Amino acid sequence: MIIAVDFDGTIVEHRYPQIGKEKLFAFETLKALQKQGHLLILWTIRTGKELDEAVEFCAKNGLEFYAVNKNFPEEKFDESVSRKINADIFIDDRNVGGFPGWGEIYQMLSKEVSENERELFLSRFKKAERKTFCGFIKSLFCKQ
């Protein structure tokens, strides 16, 4: 799979423009997913010096990305084309339902987890996500 990963709030705590503290198990999980053959794209709002610092921080922690803010390494950024990345999965702290944590992400995506374990986990995650989303919707439209 091609996995697009956000930086601030996902790999590290959100301290933009500084680099926050590493999120628990972020680098271990991402490196394990790479070992399984997944391609990782760093997908972040950072540009220029801040982007270079993020890429360097990840490299110092043993994580090299397939591409950074683009679909493939050789791609040239063209402002007439959307910056949306062509990925199978996006890992971001701004997901509906919030960021589940790197341990849970590993369980969802790892080839080392059995299909039954993955289905059980995903059903639990979907129920929790639905409950959170439904609670949010109710708070918007229902009198309390």
C-alpha atoms as a PDB file:
ATOM      1  CA  MET A   1       0.000   0.000   0.000  1.00  0.00           C
ATOM      2  CA  ILE A   2       0.949   3.622  -0.377  1.00  0.00           C
ATOM      3  CA  ILE A   3       0.524   5.341   2.990  1.00  0.00           C
ATOM      4  CA  ALA A   4       0.559   9.136   3.337  1.00  0.00           C
ATOM      5  CA  VAL A   5       1.606  10.233   6.827  1.00  0.00           C
ATOM      6  CA  ASP A   6       1.213  13.672   8.389  1.00  0.00           C
ATOM      7  CA  PHE A   7       4.051  15.022  10.558  1.00  0.00           C
ATOM      8  CA  ASP A   8       2.799  17.523  13.175  1.00  0.00           C
ATOM      9  CA  GLY A   9       0.378  15.917  15.603  1.00  0.00           C
ATOM     10  CA  THR A  10       0.909  12.486  14.051  1.00  0.00           C
ATOM     11  CA  ILE A  11       4.607  11.536  14.039  1.00  0.00           C
ATOM     12  CA  VAL A  12       5.433  14.204  16.628  1.00  0.00           C
ATOM     13  CA  GLU A  13       3.363  16.253  19.057  1.00  0.00           C
ATOM     14  CA  HIS A  14       1.988  19.414  17.487  1.00  0.00           C
ATOM     15  CA  ARG A  15       4.478  22.256  18.156  1.00  0.00           C
ATOM     16  CA  TYR A  16       4.650  23.809  14.666  1.00  0.00           C
ATOM     17  CA  PRO A  17       6.858  25.531  13.563  1.00  0.00           C
ATOM     18  CA  GLN A  18       9.120  23.767  16.079  1.00  0.00           C
ATOM     19  CA  ILE A  19       9.386  19.988  16.113  1.00  0.00           C
ATOM     20  CA  GLY A  20       7.464  18.412  18.945  1.00  0.00           C
ATOM     21  CA  LYS A  21       8.330  15.327  20.953  1.00  0.00           C
ATOM     22  CA  GLU A  22       8.044  12.003  19.098  1.00  0.00           C
ATOM     23  CA  LYS A  23       4.659  10.292  19.466  1.00  0.00           C
ATOM     24  CA  LEU A  24       4.919   6.949  21.260  1.00  0.00           C
ATOM     25  CA  PHE A  25       5.810   4.129  18.802  1.00  0.00           C
ATOM     26  CA  ALA A  26       5.616   6.413  15.719  1.00  0.00           C
ATOM     27  CA  PHE A  27       9.012   5.547  14.258  1.00  0.00           C
ATOM     28  CA  GLU A  28       8.894   1.885  15.267  1.00  0.00           C
ATOM     29  CA  THR A  29       5.491   1.456  13.621  1.00  0.00           C
ATOM     30  CA  LEU A  30       6.389   3.295  10.426  1.00  0.00           C
ATOM     31  CA  LYS A  31       9.667   1.384  10.017  1.00  0.00           C
ATOM     32  CA  ALA A  32       7.847  -1.927  10.603  1.00  0.00           C
ATOM     33  CA  LEU A  33       5.278  -1.007   7.935  1.00  0.00           C
ATOM     34  CA  GLN A  34       8.100  -0.179   5.516  1.00  0.00           C
ATOM     35  CA  LYS A  35       9.721  -3.560   6.223  1.00  0.00           C
ATOM     36  CA  GLN A  36       6.433  -5.172   5.187  1.00  0.00           C
ATOM     37  CA  GLY A  37       6.698  -3.441   1.802  1.00  0.00           C
ATOM     38  CA  HIS A  38       4.447  -0.402   2.258  1.00  0.00           C
ATOM     39  CA  LEU A  39       5.571   2.870   0.636  1.00  0.00           C
ATOM     40  CA  LEU A  40       5.454   5.865   2.962  1.00  0.00           C
ATOM     41  CA  ILE A  41       4.920   9.427   1.794  1.00  0.00           C
ATOM     42  CA  LEU A  42       5.452  12.310   4.199  1.00  0.00           C
ATOM     43  CA  TRP A  43       2.370  14.473   3.622  1.00  0.00           C
ATOM     44  CA  THR A  44       2.587  17.733   5.556  1.00  0.00           C
ATOM     45  CA  ILE A  45       1.766  21.420   5.360  1.00  0.00           C
ATOM     46  CA  ARG A  46       5.435  22.141   6.092  1.00  0.00           C
ATOM     47  CA  THR A  47       7.520  23.717   3.346  1.00  0.00           C
ATOM     48  CA  GLY A  48      11.006  25.177   3.020  1.00  0.00           C
ATOM     49  CA  LYS A  49      13.211  25.149   6.110  1.00  0.00           C
ATOM     50  CA  GLU A  50      10.489  23.630   8.331  1.00  0.00           C
ATOM     51  CA  LEU A  51       9.997  20.759   5.880  1.00  0.00           C
ATOM     52  CA  ASP A  52      13.744  20.142   5.652  1.00  0.00           C
ATOM     53  CA  GLU A  53      13.904  20.013   9.469  1.00  0.00           C
ATOM     54  CA  ALA A  54      11.061  17.473   9.615  1.00  0.00           C
ATOM     55  CA  VAL A  55      12.660  15.237   6.975  1.00  0.00           C
ATOM     56  CA  GLU A  56      16.026  15.464   8.776  1.00  0.00           C
ATOM     57  CA  PHE A  57      14.377  14.665  12.134  1.00  0.00           C
ATOM     58  CA  CYS A  58      12.798  11.545  10.645  1.00  0.00           C
ATOM     59  CA  ALA A  59      16.088  10.502   9.000  1.00  0.00           C
ATOM     60  CA  LYS A  60      17.912  10.852  12.339  1.00  0.00           C
ATOM     61  CA  ASN A  61      15.315   8.465  13.756  1.00  0.00           C
ATOM     62  CA  GLY A  62      15.938   5.946  10.964  1.00  0.00           C
ATOM     63  CA  LEU A  63      12.946   6.785   8.770  1.00  0.00           C
ATOM     64  CA  GLU A  64      13.397   7.612   5.078  1.00  0.00           C
ATOM     65  CA  PHE A  65      10.285   8.318   3.011  1.00  0.00           C
ATOM     66  CA  TYR A  66       9.523   7.090  -0.506  1.00  0.00           C
ATOM     67  CA  ALA A  67       8.473  10.673  -1.338  1.00  0.00           C
ATOM     68  CA  VAL A  68       7.831  13.968   0.459  1.00  0.00           C
ATOM     69  CA  ASN A  69       4.703  16.006  -0.373  1.00  0.00           C
ATOM     70  CA  LYS A  70       4.472  14.347  -3.785  1.00  0.00           C
ATOM     71  CA  ASN A  71       3.321  11.077  -5.311  1.00  0.00           C
ATOM     72  CA  PHE A  72       6.747   9.797  -6.319  1.00  0.00           C
ATOM     73  CA  PRO A  73      10.323  11.017  -5.781  1.00  0.00           C
ATOM     74  CA  GLU A  74      10.822  12.474  -9.276  1.00  0.00           C
ATOM     75  CA  GLU A  75       7.553  14.418  -9.371  1.00  0.00           C
ATOM     76  CA  LYS A  76       7.950  18.183  -9.826  1.00  0.00           C
ATOM     77  CA  PHE A  77       5.493  20.380  -7.952  1.00  0.00           C
ATOM     78  CA  ASP A  78       3.232  22.233 -10.353  1.00  0.00           C
ATOM     79  CA  GLU A  79       0.963  24.833  -8.754  1.00  0.00           C
ATOM     80  CA  SER A  80      -1.662  24.238 -11.454  1.00  0.00           C
ATOM     81  CA  VAL A  81      -2.122  20.665 -10.168  1.00  0.00           C
ATOM     82  CA  SER A  82      -3.653  19.709  -6.818  1.00  0.00           C
ATOM     83  CA  ARG A  83      -1.203  18.757  -4.059  1.00  0.00           C
ATOM     84  CA  LYS A  84      -3.473  15.878  -3.100  1.00  0.00           C
ATOM     85  CA  ILE A  85      -1.411  12.730  -2.757  1.00  0.00           C
ATOM     86  CA  ASN A  86      -2.478   9.502  -4.463  1.00  0.00           C
ATOM     87  CA  ALA A  87      -2.375   7.164  -1.472  1.00  0.00           C
ATOM     88  CA  ASP A  88      -4.309   4.134  -0.295  1.00  0.00           C
ATOM     89  CA  ILE A  89      -4.409   5.358   3.310  1.00  0.00           C
ATOM     90  CA  PHE A  90      -3.851   8.698   5.049  1.00  0.00           C
ATOM     91  CA  ILE A  91      -2.621   8.747   8.657  1.00  0.00           C
ATOM     92  CA  ASP A  92      -3.381  12.126  10.208  1.00  0.00           C
ATOM     93  CA  ASP A  93      -4.254  13.504  13.637  1.00  0.00           C
ATOM     94  CA  ARG A  94      -7.213  15.368  12.104  1.00  0.00           C
ATOM     95  CA  ASN A  95      -9.139  12.205  11.147  1.00  0.00           C
ATOM     96  CA  VAL A  96     -12.812  11.950  12.054  1.00  0.00           C
ATOM     97  CA  GLY A  97     -12.719  10.237  15.425  1.00  0.00           C
ATOM     98  CA  GLY A  98      -9.199  11.514  16.149  1.00  0.00           C
ATOM     99  CA  PHE A  99      -5.824   9.820  16.021  1.00  0.00           C
ATOM    100  CA  PRO A 100      -6.132   6.219  17.255  1.00  0.00           C
ATOM    101  CA  GLY A 101      -2.465   5.854  18.271  1.00  0.00           C
ATOM    102  CA  TRP A 102       0.416   4.043  16.605  1.00  0.00           C
ATOM    103  CA  GLY A 103      -0.246   0.700  18.306  1.00  0.00           C
ATOM    104  CA  GLU A 104      -3.756   0.597  16.893  1.00  0.00           C
ATOM    105  CA  ILE A 105      -2.573   1.752  13.468  1.00  0.00           C
ATOM    106  CA  TYR A 106      -0.044  -1.085  13.421  1.00  0.00           C
ATOM    107  CA  GLN A 107      -2.784  -3.580  14.247  1.00  0.00           C
ATOM    108  CA  MET A 108      -4.958  -2.210  11.442  1.00  0.00           C
ATOM    109  CA  LEU A 109      -2.253  -2.282   8.769  1.00  0.00           C
ATOM    110  CA  SER A 110       0.242  -4.957   9.735  1.00  0.00           C
ATOM    111  CA  LYS A 111       0.553  -8.136   7.692  1.00  0.00           C
ATOM    112  CA  GLU A 112       1.730  -9.856  10.889  1.00  0.00           C
ATOM    113  CA  VAL A 113      -1.721  -9.585  12.462  1.00  0.00           C
ATOM    114  CA  SER A 114      -4.101 -12.393  11.509  1.00  0.00           C
ATOM    115  CA  GLU A 115      -7.136 -11.577   9.375  1.00  0.00           C
ATOM    116  CA  ASN A 116      -9.469 -12.473  12.302  1.00  0.00           C
ATOM    117  CA  GLU A 117      -7.568 -10.167  14.678  1.00  0.00           C
ATOM    118  CA  ARG A 118      -7.642  -7.371  12.102  1.00  0.00           C
ATOM    119  CA  GLU A 119     -11.394  -7.746  11.496  1.00  0.00           C
ATOM    120  CA  LEU A 120     -12.116  -7.793  15.235  1.00  0.00           C
ATOM    121  CA  PHE A 121      -9.976  -4.713  15.747  1.00  0.00           C
ATOM    122  CA  LEU A 122     -11.485  -2.838  12.801  1.00  0.00           C
ATOM    123  CA  SER A 123     -15.019  -3.602  13.958  1.00  0.00           C
ATOM    124  CA  ARG A 124     -14.170  -2.247  17.433  1.00  0.00           C
ATOM    125  CA  PHE A 125     -12.536   0.827  15.891  1.00  0.00           C
ATOM    126  CA  LYS A 126     -15.473   1.472  13.556  1.00  0.00           C
ATOM    127  CA  LYS A 127     -17.932   1.197  16.475  1.00  0.00           C
ATOM    128  CA  ALA A 128     -15.897   3.665  18.533  1.00  0.00           C
ATOM    129  CA  GLU A 129     -15.534   5.991  15.541  1.00  0.00           C
ATOM    130  CA  ARG A 130     -19.276   5.775  14.815  1.00  0.00           C
ATOM    131  CA  LYS A 131     -20.143   6.437  18.461  1.00  0.00           C
ATOM    132  CA  THR A 132     -17.872   9.508  18.511  1.00  0.00           C
ATOM    133  CA  PHE A 133     -19.238  10.749  15.190  1.00  0.00           C
ATOM    134  CA  CYS A 134     -22.863  10.137  16.222  1.00  0.00           C
ATOM    135  CA  GLY A 135     -22.260  11.938  19.513  1.00  0.00           C
ATOM    136  CA  PHE A 136     -20.823  14.862  17.596  1.00  0.00           C
ATOM    137  CA  ILE A 137     -23.792  14.971  15.202  1.00  0.00           C
ATOM    138  CA  LYS A 138     -26.268  14.721  18.099  1.00  0.00           C
ATOM    139  CA  SER A 139     -24.520  17.616  19.825  1.00  0.00           C
ATOM    140  CA  LEU A 140     -25.055  19.723  16.719  1.00  0.00           C
ATOM    141  CA  PHE A 141     -28.685  18.885  16.009  1.00  0.00           C
ATOM    142  CA  CYS A 142     -30.321  17.597  19.198  1.00  0.00           C
ATOM    143  CA  LYS A 143     -31.462  19.610  22.206  1.00  0.00           C
ATOM    144  CA  GLN A 144     -29.827  18.441  25.387  1.00  0.00           C
END
